[in-house]
């Protein structure tokens, strides 16, 4: 089957197998097969009429051909194989090439059943199937992800991943914090709720008809496993509570992380912190993120080994990383869970005024942890990134937050993904960097451009370091310098700096454990 580039109309049904075949700029033939084929007999007469009317409307409005089909079984084929066969056998498509695009979304029960059968063979086979299905059904939007700009920048901490995200808007830290406190309304309550599976969408909430969730049990409770539609990295998955409850870092968090790792040992899993500023973009729904990818932080070595009383059997040490990370390793994950809970409790109540660390001010707690779990060989490993969300008059968005001189590049919260060494930078930078390159080469006044003037101080600071700059390498130099800014952002987020004074202060905390 030949495929052509064309607009894809989103028309999905939640509990049926679905076939959608759009063809732009092709007039429909009078003898074409029926647009609605309800082989599984899942639709009422009224539903059939509504769908048929919509298909007729789409066809007439866009001069295209749209088909919906329900079936009882994939007949042992993959979704792609079944779709290809249905396309060819049933005569869908117009023109000599019979060109078109097919979508086939199995019912949730079928996806879950296939996943479980493959899991019996291996967790890798199960996730490979589910990841491909999520791509083939356009839930993971490959066409949008391809637009993202990605590169690596060497640093003293290893190769840092940089990306300019073209799929999601830049978020304001204060708006993220306010969202946690906002009264919940609507259905589903948020983008992570299980009710999003098959949801038709509304004006302020995206449709998820092609969304399928794998139920899993962690810590004796029902959770959901899915992939992110934006996949910032390979097999970027989300594990979320079946109930809409707020984020909270506690002993149960570490239990859940390792329950998942034992189910899928080829994945890592981590949690955002549970406080505004240092937390992620969704604090109202308890969830974790993981995937099949090795971040720079995971590759970073232990800089200084430490021994924690009562846990001499656990390997522990300070990680060579811009954020303040204590890594603990053991074959027995229960020992890591107990130690992590011990560290968390100590950190929650820890104050060191000399290091500008306060457990609370005016009754507001500041200390929390961003944890990341993984399995390395026969060892379980847990990274505990110490976080603090203190604000001051000098740093109203957070002392351990990207500082103002770096907001031209990065203003958003530093959440789990970036803690591990992947920058998610705003889409505006694509155009701004291109324009900056032109201004630099043409020696124009950057401050004269309203959109670019925020970059002027930054450009002036690094230009003297690059006498080799020319029109052929200017963009490479800009990308390199963006990477350096992001490394500085991570250093801003570190409660203990990578200096002798910072390491001494870090050891003062460890001495309290």
Protein backbone atom coordinates (compact mmCIF):
# COMPACT_ATOMS: atom_id res chain seq x y z
CA UNK A 1 0.00 0.00 0.00
CA UNK A 2 1.40 3.38 -0.98
CA UNK A 3 1.01 6.24 1.47
CA UNK A 4 0.82 9.91 0.59
CA UNK A 5 1.25 13.02 2.68
CA UNK A 6 -2.13 14.40 3.58
CA UNK A 7 -4.11 15.92 6.38
CA UNK A 8 -5.38 13.36 8.91
CA UNK A 9 -8.85 14.01 10.27
CA UNK A 10 -9.28 12.91 13.90
CA UNK A 11 -12.39 10.78 13.99
CA UNK A 12 -12.07 7.92 16.46
CA UNK A 13 -14.49 5.78 18.43
CA UNK A 14 -13.71 4.73 21.99
CA UNK A 15 -14.81 1.11 22.36
CA UNK A 16 -14.59 -0.20 18.84
CA UNK A 17 -12.04 -1.19 16.30
CA UNK A 18 -11.79 1.73 14.03
CA UNK A 19 -10.78 2.24 10.40
CA UNK A 20 -10.35 5.80 9.14
CA UNK A 21 -9.29 6.44 5.55
CA UNK A 22 -9.01 10.10 4.49
CA UNK A 23 -8.08 11.18 0.96
CA UNK A 24 -7.73 14.83 0.27
CA UNK A 25 -8.38 16.31 -3.14
CA UNK A 26 -9.86 13.05 -4.44
CA UNK A 27 -13.48 12.91 -5.47
CA UNK A 28 -15.47 9.99 -4.08
CA UNK A 29 -16.67 7.35 -6.52
CA UNK A 30 -20.34 6.42 -6.53
CA UNK A 31 -19.62 2.68 -6.26
CA UNK A 32 -17.33 3.02 -3.24
CA UNK A 33 -17.97 0.60 -0.31
CA UNK A 34 -20.12 1.83 2.57
CA UNK A 35 -18.52 4.43 4.78
CA UNK A 36 -19.85 2.77 7.96
CA UNK A 37 -19.39 -0.99 8.37
CA UNK A 38 -20.51 -2.23 11.79
CA UNK A 39 -19.40 -5.87 11.54
CA UNK A 40 -19.19 -6.21 15.33
CA UNK A 41 -22.72 -4.87 15.73
CA UNK A 42 -21.64 -2.48 18.46
CA UNK A 43 -23.60 0.55 17.34
CA UNK A 44 -27.25 1.42 17.84
CA UNK A 45 -29.31 2.64 14.92
CA UNK A 46 -29.13 6.16 16.29
CA UNK A 47 -25.33 5.98 16.65
CA UNK A 48 -25.02 4.66 13.11
CA UNK A 49 -27.07 7.57 11.80
CA UNK A 50 -24.97 10.09 13.72
CA UNK A 51 -21.67 8.60 12.52
CA UNK A 52 -22.88 8.29 8.93
CA UNK A 53 -23.99 11.90 8.94
CA UNK A 54 -20.60 12.99 10.26
CA UNK A 55 -18.78 10.95 7.63
CA UNK A 56 -20.92 12.45 4.88
CA UNK A 57 -20.18 15.92 6.26
CA UNK A 58 -16.41 15.27 6.34
CA UNK A 59 -16.44 13.83 2.83
CA UNK A 60 -18.37 16.74 1.36
CA UNK A 61 -16.49 19.45 3.25
CA UNK A 62 -12.99 18.18 2.49
CA UNK A 63 -13.60 16.32 -0.78
CA UNK A 64 -12.29 13.20 0.87
CA UNK A 65 -13.29 9.67 1.71
CA UNK A 66 -13.81 8.61 5.34
CA UNK A 67 -14.69 5.14 6.59
CA UNK A 68 -15.48 3.72 10.04
CA UNK A 69 -15.43 -0.04 10.57
CA UNK A 70 -16.00 -2.15 13.68
CA UNK A 71 -14.74 -5.73 13.87
CA UNK A 72 -14.73 -8.45 16.52
CA UNK A 73 -11.15 -9.59 16.14
CA UNK A 74 -7.81 -8.77 14.57
CA UNK A 75 -7.65 -12.41 13.48
CA UNK A 76 -4.21 -12.88 14.99
CA UNK A 77 -2.69 -10.03 13.02
CA UNK A 78 -1.03 -6.86 14.23
CA UNK A 79 -3.05 -3.68 13.94
CA UNK A 80 -0.94 -2.60 10.98
CA UNK A 81 -1.31 -5.93 9.19
CA UNK A 82 -5.06 -6.00 9.70
CA UNK A 83 -5.44 -2.45 8.48
CA UNK A 84 -3.38 -3.09 5.37
CA UNK A 85 -5.41 -6.20 4.52
CA UNK A 86 -8.75 -4.46 5.11
CA UNK A 87 -7.63 -1.56 2.99
CA UNK A 88 -6.68 -3.77 0.04
CA UNK A 89 -9.37 -6.44 0.29
CA UNK A 90 -12.38 -4.25 0.87
CA UNK A 91 -11.54 -1.78 -1.85
CA UNK A 92 -11.06 1.36 0.16
CA UNK A 93 -9.10 4.10 -1.45
CA UNK A 94 -9.47 5.86 -4.74
CA UNK A 95 -7.31 6.43 -7.77
CA UNK A 96 -4.83 4.17 -9.47
CA UNK A 97 -2.56 3.97 -6.43
CA UNK A 98 -5.48 3.41 -4.04
CA UNK A 99 -3.44 5.60 -1.73
CA UNK A 100 -4.50 6.40 1.81
CA UNK A 101 -3.81 6.27 5.52
CA UNK A 102 -5.43 3.81 7.88
CA UNK A 103 -6.04 3.95 11.61
CA UNK A 104 -7.06 0.89 13.56
CA UNK A 105 -7.63 1.13 17.29
CA UNK A 106 -8.47 -2.09 19.16
CA UNK A 107 -10.87 -2.13 22.04
CA UNK A 108 -9.17 -1.69 25.44
CA UNK A 109 -9.75 -5.31 26.43
CA UNK A 110 -8.00 -6.54 23.29
CA UNK A 111 -4.97 -4.34 23.89
CA UNK A 112 -4.72 -5.49 27.50
CA UNK A 113 -5.13 -9.15 26.49
CA UNK A 114 -2.40 -8.97 23.87
CA UNK A 115 -0.09 -7.14 26.27
CA UNK A 116 -0.57 -9.81 28.96
CA UNK A 117 0.09 -12.66 26.54
CA UNK A 118 3.28 -11.04 25.28
CA UNK A 119 4.37 -10.23 28.84
CA UNK A 120 4.40 -13.99 29.56
CA UNK A 121 7.18 -14.22 26.97
CA UNK A 122 9.02 -11.13 28.20
CA UNK A 123 8.33 -7.62 29.50
CA UNK A 124 10.30 -6.24 26.53
CA UNK A 125 8.00 -7.91 23.98
CA UNK A 126 4.95 -6.54 25.78
CA UNK A 127 6.23 -2.95 25.87
CA UNK A 128 7.50 -3.17 22.28
CA UNK A 129 3.97 -4.09 21.15
CA UNK A 130 2.30 -1.40 23.22
CA UNK A 131 4.75 1.31 22.17
CA UNK A 132 4.31 0.47 18.48
CA UNK A 133 0.52 0.40 18.86
CA UNK A 134 0.59 3.82 20.52
CA UNK A 135 2.56 5.12 17.54
CA UNK A 136 0.49 3.38 14.86
CA UNK A 137 -2.77 4.76 16.28
CA UNK A 138 -1.33 8.28 16.26
CA UNK A 139 -1.63 8.59 20.04
CA UNK A 140 2.12 9.15 20.01
CA UNK A 141 2.29 11.88 17.43
CA UNK A 142 5.38 11.02 15.47
CA UNK A 143 4.76 13.72 12.90
CA UNK A 144 4.96 16.36 15.65
CA UNK A 145 7.88 14.79 17.48
CA UNK A 146 9.95 14.80 14.27
CA UNK A 147 9.75 18.59 14.35
CA UNK A 148 11.53 18.78 17.72
CA UNK A 149 15.13 19.95 17.55
CA UNK A 150 17.60 17.83 19.53
CA UNK A 151 21.33 17.89 20.13
CA UNK A 152 23.93 16.99 22.78
CA UNK A 153 26.40 19.27 24.50
CA UNK A 154 29.53 18.01 26.30
CA UNK A 155 29.97 19.23 29.87
CA UNK A 156 31.97 18.46 33.00
CA UNK A 157 29.02 16.28 34.02
CA UNK A 158 28.80 14.28 30.78
CA UNK A 159 26.91 14.77 27.52
CA UNK A 160 23.76 16.76 28.25
CA UNK A 161 20.64 16.29 26.07
CA UNK A 162 19.10 19.49 24.71
CA UNK A 163 15.74 19.70 22.94
CA UNK A 164 13.54 22.49 21.65
CA UNK A 165 10.02 21.24 22.09
CA UNK A 166 7.63 22.26 19.33
CA UNK A 167 4.61 20.39 20.68
CA UNK A 168 3.77 22.09 23.98
CA UNK A 169 3.66 25.77 25.06
CA UNK A 170 6.04 27.21 27.67
CA UNK A 171 4.47 27.12 31.12
CA UNK A 172 4.69 29.75 33.81
CA UNK A 173 5.92 28.47 37.21
CA UNK A 174 3.29 30.45 39.09
CA UNK A 175 0.53 29.01 36.89
CA UNK A 176 1.78 25.49 37.66
CA UNK A 177 1.64 26.18 41.39
CA UNK A 178 -1.85 27.70 41.12
CA UNK A 179 -3.11 24.65 39.24
CA UNK A 180 -2.46 22.46 42.28
CA UNK A 181 -4.68 24.67 44.42
CA UNK A 182 -7.42 25.19 41.84
CA UNK A 183 -10.82 23.60 42.45
CA UNK A 184 -11.21 20.54 40.25
CA UNK A 185 -14.12 20.49 37.85
CA UNK A 186 -15.05 18.87 34.61
CA UNK A 187 -14.52 15.35 33.36
CA UNK A 188 -11.87 14.03 33.30
CA UNK A 189 -10.41 16.07 36.14
CA UNK A 190 -6.96 16.22 34.54
CA UNK A 191 -4.91 14.89 31.62
CA UNK A 192 -3.70 11.91 33.67
CA UNK A 193 -7.03 10.52 34.85
CA UNK A 194 -7.94 7.04 33.58
CA UNK A 195 -11.18 8.51 32.22
CA UNK A 196 -9.15 10.01 29.37
CA UNK A 197 -9.14 6.61 27.67
CA UNK A 198 -11.53 6.97 24.74
CA UNK A 199 -12.61 10.48 25.81
CA UNK A 200 -14.05 12.57 22.97
CA UNK A 201 -12.52 15.82 24.24
CA UNK A 202 -13.82 19.34 24.80
CA UNK A 203 -12.73 22.88 24.07
CA UNK A 204 -10.12 22.98 26.86
CA UNK A 205 -9.32 19.26 27.00
CA UNK A 206 -7.82 17.16 24.16
CA UNK A 207 -9.59 14.16 22.65
CA UNK A 208 -8.18 10.75 23.55
CA UNK A 209 -10.30 8.33 21.50
CA UNK A 210 -7.15 6.54 20.35
CA UNK A 211 -5.77 6.26 23.88
CA UNK A 212 -5.37 2.83 25.51
CA UNK A 213 -4.19 2.17 29.09
CA UNK A 214 -2.52 -0.93 30.56
CA UNK A 215 -3.70 -1.58 34.14
CA UNK A 216 -0.95 -2.55 36.60
CA UNK A 217 -0.78 -3.12 40.33
CA UNK A 218 1.83 -1.30 42.41
CA UNK A 219 1.92 -1.29 46.20
CA UNK A 220 -1.30 -3.29 46.19
CA UNK A 221 -3.29 -0.56 44.41
CA UNK A 222 -4.59 -0.06 40.88
CA UNK A 223 -2.48 2.11 38.62
CA UNK A 224 -2.33 2.79 34.89
CA UNK A 225 0.60 2.46 32.49
CA UNK A 226 0.70 4.49 29.27
CA UNK A 227 3.09 6.37 27.02
CA UNK A 228 3.40 10.11 26.77
CA UNK A 229 1.96 11.45 23.50
CA UNK A 230 5.04 13.70 23.29
CA UNK A 231 7.75 11.05 24.09
CA UNK A 232 10.59 13.35 25.05
CA UNK A 233 12.86 10.28 24.96
CA UNK A 234 12.70 6.61 23.94
CA UNK A 235 9.61 4.83 25.30
CA UNK A 236 8.74 7.75 27.53
CA UNK A 237 6.03 6.28 29.74
CA UNK A 238 3.73 7.56 32.47
CA UNK A 239 2.57 5.50 35.44
CA UNK A 240 -0.38 7.09 37.19
CA UNK A 241 -2.64 6.46 40.16
CA UNK A 242 -6.07 5.10 39.29
CA UNK A 243 -7.51 7.77 41.59
CA UNK A 244 -7.15 11.52 41.18
CA UNK A 245 -5.04 12.30 44.24
CA UNK A 246 -2.19 14.82 44.63
CA UNK A 247 1.51 14.10 44.28
CA UNK A 248 3.20 13.09 47.53
CA UNK A 249 6.72 11.87 48.20
CA UNK A 250 6.64 9.33 51.03
CA UNK A 251 7.83 5.81 51.81
CA UNK A 252 5.07 4.36 49.62
CA UNK A 253 6.58 6.30 46.69
CA UNK A 254 9.75 4.24 46.82
CA UNK A 255 7.74 1.02 47.13
CA UNK A 256 5.78 1.91 43.99
CA UNK A 257 8.92 2.81 42.05
CA UNK A 258 10.51 -0.56 42.72
CA UNK A 259 7.27 -2.50 42.19
CA UNK A 260 7.27 -1.06 38.68
CA UNK A 261 10.98 -1.74 38.14
CA UNK A 262 10.44 -5.37 39.11
CA UNK A 263 7.63 -5.57 36.52
CA UNK A 264 9.70 -3.83 33.82
CA UNK A 265 13.40 -4.12 34.68
CA UNK A 266 14.43 -2.64 31.32
CA UNK A 267 12.79 0.68 32.30
CA UNK A 268 13.73 3.33 34.83
CA UNK A 269 11.01 5.12 36.80
CA UNK A 270 11.14 8.40 38.68
CA UNK A 271 8.87 10.89 40.37
CA UNK A 272 8.67 14.64 40.26
CA UNK A 273 8.97 16.35 43.59
CA UNK A 274 5.72 17.11 45.39
CA UNK A 275 6.13 20.86 45.97
CA UNK A 276 5.56 23.81 43.62
CA UNK A 277 8.61 25.29 41.84
CA UNK A 278 10.66 22.09 42.21
CA UNK A 279 7.81 19.82 41.14
CA UNK A 280 6.50 18.97 37.70
CA UNK A 281 3.70 20.51 35.65
CA UNK A 282 0.94 18.31 37.11
CA UNK A 283 1.00 18.16 40.91
CA UNK A 284 -2.71 17.42 41.32
CA UNK A 285 -2.47 13.77 40.18
CA UNK A 286 0.03 11.28 41.60
CA UNK A 287 2.13 9.94 38.76
CA UNK A 288 5.62 8.84 37.75
CA UNK A 289 7.59 8.94 34.50
CA UNK A 290 9.94 6.35 33.12
CA UNK A 291 11.15 4.72 29.96
CA UNK A 292 13.89 2.89 28.12
CA UNK A 293 16.58 5.54 28.00
CA UNK A 294 19.85 6.22 29.80
CA UNK A 295 20.20 9.84 30.83
CA UNK A 296 23.46 11.61 31.57
CA UNK A 297 22.69 11.51 35.29
CA UNK A 298 22.44 7.71 35.25
CA UNK A 299 25.89 7.58 33.63
CA UNK A 300 27.42 10.02 36.13
CA UNK A 301 29.86 8.39 38.56
CA UNK A 302 29.96 8.48 42.35
CA UNK A 303 32.15 11.40 43.33
CA UNK A 304 32.44 10.57 47.03
CA UNK A 305 31.39 7.34 48.73
CA UNK A 306 29.69 7.63 52.12
CA UNK A 307 28.59 5.17 54.79
CA UNK A 308 25.29 5.61 56.56
CA UNK A 309 25.00 4.09 60.04
CA UNK A 310 22.65 1.11 60.12
CA UNK A 311 22.90 0.76 56.35
CA UNK A 312 26.48 -0.39 55.95
CA UNK A 313 25.29 -3.06 53.50
CA UNK A 314 24.01 -0.36 51.13
CA UNK A 315 26.44 1.31 48.74
CA UNK A 316 25.95 5.09 48.93
CA UNK A 317 27.65 8.17 47.58
CA UNK A 318 27.37 11.70 46.22
CA UNK A 319 26.92 11.74 42.45
CA UNK A 320 29.07 13.97 40.25
CA UNK A 321 26.10 16.01 39.04
CA UNK A 322 25.04 19.69 39.14
CA UNK A 323 22.04 18.90 41.32
CA UNK A 324 22.60 17.44 44.78
CA UNK A 325 22.11 13.69 44.35
CA UNK A 326 22.66 10.86 46.81
CA UNK A 327 22.84 7.49 45.03
CA UNK A 328 22.12 4.27 46.95
CA UNK A 329 22.56 0.72 45.57
CA UNK A 330 21.73 -2.74 46.89
CA UNK A 331 20.54 -6.14 45.66
CA UNK A 332 17.67 -5.94 48.16
CA UNK A 333 15.30 -3.15 47.12
CA UNK A 334 13.65 -3.23 50.56
CA UNK A 335 16.86 -1.89 52.08
CA UNK A 336 16.82 0.97 49.57
CA UNK A 337 13.19 1.73 50.41
CA UNK A 338 13.95 1.89 54.13
CA UNK A 339 17.05 4.04 53.63
CA UNK A 340 15.29 6.37 51.20
CA UNK A 341 12.51 6.90 53.74
CA UNK A 342 15.15 7.64 56.37
CA UNK A 343 16.86 10.19 54.11
CA UNK A 344 13.51 11.79 53.18
CA UNK A 345 12.48 12.18 56.82
CA UNK A 346 15.81 13.73 57.72
CA UNK A 347 15.74 16.09 54.73
CA UNK A 348 12.15 17.23 55.34
CA UNK A 349 13.15 18.62 58.73
CA UNK A 350 16.68 19.81 57.90
CA UNK A 351 17.78 23.42 58.23
CA UNK A 352 21.27 24.79 57.61
CA UNK A 353 21.15 28.57 57.59
CA UNK A 354 24.83 28.81 56.59
CA UNK A 355 23.97 26.90 53.40
CA UNK A 356 20.72 28.87 52.88
CA UNK A 357 18.60 25.76 53.43
CA UNK A 358 15.44 26.08 55.52
CA UNK A 359 13.02 23.27 56.22
CA UNK A 360 10.17 25.79 56.40
CA UNK A 361 9.40 29.48 56.58
CA UNK A 362 6.17 30.89 57.96
CA UNK A 363 4.79 27.35 58.14
CA UNK A 364 5.47 26.58 54.46
CA UNK A 365 7.59 23.42 53.94
CA UNK A 366 10.50 23.66 51.49
CA UNK A 367 12.46 20.39 51.46
CA UNK A 368 11.55 17.40 49.33
CA UNK A 369 13.15 14.82 47.02
CA UNK A 370 13.05 13.86 43.34
CA UNK A 371 13.67 10.07 43.28
CA UNK A 372 14.69 7.92 40.28
CA UNK A 373 14.80 4.11 40.43
CA UNK A 374 16.43 1.67 38.02
CA UNK A 375 18.00 -1.78 37.91
CA UNK A 376 21.62 -2.14 36.86
CA UNK A 377 22.64 -5.76 36.43
CA UNK A 378 21.55 -7.58 39.59
CA UNK A 379 21.59 -4.36 41.64
CA UNK A 380 18.72 -2.02 42.39
CA UNK A 381 19.68 1.63 42.27
CA UNK A 382 17.94 4.74 43.59
CA UNK A 383 19.00 8.34 43.00
CA UNK A 384 17.69 10.86 45.53
CA UNK A 385 17.93 14.44 44.25
CA UNK A 386 17.56 16.87 47.16
CA UNK A 387 15.20 19.75 46.33
CA UNK A 388 14.19 23.00 48.07
CA UNK A 389 11.58 25.54 46.89
CA UNK A 390 12.57 28.53 49.01
CA UNK A 391 11.76 31.95 47.52
CA UNK A 392 13.21 35.36 48.43
CA UNK A 393 12.84 38.93 47.26
CA UNK A 394 15.93 38.41 45.12
CA UNK A 395 14.63 35.11 43.71
CA UNK A 396 10.82 35.32 43.73
CA UNK A 397 10.48 32.29 41.42
CA UNK A 398 12.76 30.18 43.61
CA UNK A 399 16.29 30.28 44.98
CA UNK A 400 16.95 26.81 43.52
CA UNK A 401 15.23 27.58 40.22
CA UNK A 402 16.62 28.94 36.93
CA UNK A 403 17.93 32.39 37.80
CA UNK A 404 16.68 35.46 35.96
CA UNK A 405 19.74 35.88 33.72
CA UNK A 406 18.94 32.46 32.20
CA UNK A 407 15.21 33.02 31.63
CA UNK A 408 15.88 33.97 28.02
CA UNK A 409 16.61 30.26 27.53
CA UNK A 410 14.77 28.52 30.37
CA UNK A 411 12.17 29.85 32.81
CA UNK A 412 10.07 26.74 33.55
CA UNK A 413 10.38 24.51 36.60
CA UNK A 414 13.14 21.93 36.67
CA UNK A 415 11.23 18.68 36.95
CA UNK A 416 12.15 15.03 36.79
CA UNK A 417 13.21 14.86 33.12
CA UNK A 418 15.51 17.84 33.38
CA UNK A 419 16.91 16.73 36.72
CA UNK A 420 18.18 13.68 34.80
CA UNK A 421 19.86 15.82 32.12
CA UNK A 422 17.38 16.46 29.29
CA UNK A 423 16.51 20.10 28.62
CA UNK A 424 12.96 20.72 27.40
CA UNK A 425 13.23 24.21 25.94
CA UNK A 426 10.37 26.36 24.61
CA UNK A 427 9.40 26.38 20.93
CA UNK A 428 10.09 30.12 20.63
CA UNK A 429 13.82 29.37 20.64
CA UNK A 430 13.68 27.81 17.18
CA UNK A 431 12.86 31.14 15.55
CA UNK A 432 14.82 33.24 18.03
CA UNK A 433 18.06 31.31 17.48
CA UNK A 434 17.67 31.54 13.71
CA UNK A 435 17.11 35.29 13.95
CA UNK A 436 19.99 35.67 16.40
CA UNK A 437 22.31 33.93 13.95
CA UNK A 438 21.35 36.45 11.26
CA UNK A 439 21.79 39.44 13.59
CA UNK A 440 25.20 38.21 14.76
CA UNK A 441 26.52 37.60 11.24
CA UNK A 442 25.13 40.88 9.94
CA UNK A 443 26.31 42.72 13.10
CA UNK A 444 22.87 44.14 13.75
CA UNK A 445 21.80 45.61 17.09
CA UNK A 446 20.10 42.75 18.95
CA UNK A 447 18.58 45.20 21.44
CA UNK A 448 16.66 46.87 18.62
CA UNK A 449 14.54 43.73 18.16
CA UNK A 450 11.84 43.36 20.79
CA UNK A 451 11.77 39.55 20.49
CA UNK A 452 15.55 39.22 20.68
CA UNK A 453 16.63 41.90 23.16
CA UNK A 454 16.33 39.45 26.09
CA UNK A 455 19.25 37.54 24.52
CA UNK A 456 21.56 40.56 24.15
CA UNK A 457 23.49 40.21 27.43
CA UNK A 458 23.92 36.49 26.85
CA UNK A 459 25.25 36.93 23.30
CA UNK A 460 27.64 39.68 24.42
CA UNK A 461 28.97 37.39 27.15
CA UNK A 462 29.96 34.50 24.87
CA UNK A 463 30.93 36.19 21.58
CA UNK A 464 34.48 37.07 22.76
CA UNK A 465 35.08 33.33 23.33
CA UNK A 466 34.43 32.54 19.67
CA UNK A 467 36.72 34.46 17.32
CA UNK A 468 36.20 31.58 14.87
CA UNK A 469 32.48 32.40 14.48
CA UNK A 470 31.22 32.72 10.92
CA UNK A 471 28.04 32.15 8.92
CA UNK A 472 28.82 28.43 8.59
CA UNK A 473 29.27 27.69 12.31
CA UNK A 474 27.16 30.36 14.03
CA UNK A 475 24.22 28.02 14.64
CA UNK A 476 26.49 25.31 16.07
CA UNK A 477 28.02 27.86 18.44
CA UNK A 478 24.57 29.09 19.49
CA UNK A 479 23.48 25.52 20.25
CA UNK A 480 26.67 24.91 22.24
CA UNK A 481 26.08 28.05 24.28
CA UNK A 482 22.43 27.13 24.89
CA UNK A 483 23.72 23.86 26.33
CA UNK A 484 26.08 25.75 28.62
CA UNK A 485 23.17 27.85 29.86
CA UNK A 486 21.18 24.74 30.65
CA UNK A 487 24.08 23.28 32.62
CA UNK A 488 24.03 26.53 34.57
CA UNK A 489 20.29 26.11 35.10
CA UNK A 490 20.89 22.69 36.64
CA UNK A 491 23.58 24.18 38.85
CA UNK A 492 21.08 26.84 39.96
CA UNK A 493 18.71 24.02 40.94
CA UNK A 494 21.35 22.28 43.08
CA UNK A 495 20.86 22.97 46.79
CA UNK A 496 24.56 22.22 47.31
CA UNK A 497 26.93 23.65 44.70
CA UNK A 498 29.78 21.63 43.18
CA UNK A 499 32.37 23.58 45.14
CA UNK A 500 34.44 22.68 48.21
CA UNK A 501 32.06 24.75 50.33
CA UNK A 502 29.03 23.07 48.75
CA UNK A 503 30.39 19.57 49.24
CA UNK A 504 31.25 20.37 52.87
CA UNK A 505 27.66 21.51 53.43
CA UNK A 506 26.34 18.35 51.71
CA UNK A 507 28.43 16.22 54.08
CA UNK A 508 26.98 18.11 57.07
CA UNK A 509 23.55 16.84 56.05
CA UNK A 510 24.78 13.30 55.44
CA UNK A 511 26.35 13.32 58.90
CA UNK A 512 22.85 13.71 60.38
CA UNK A 513 21.60 10.47 58.84
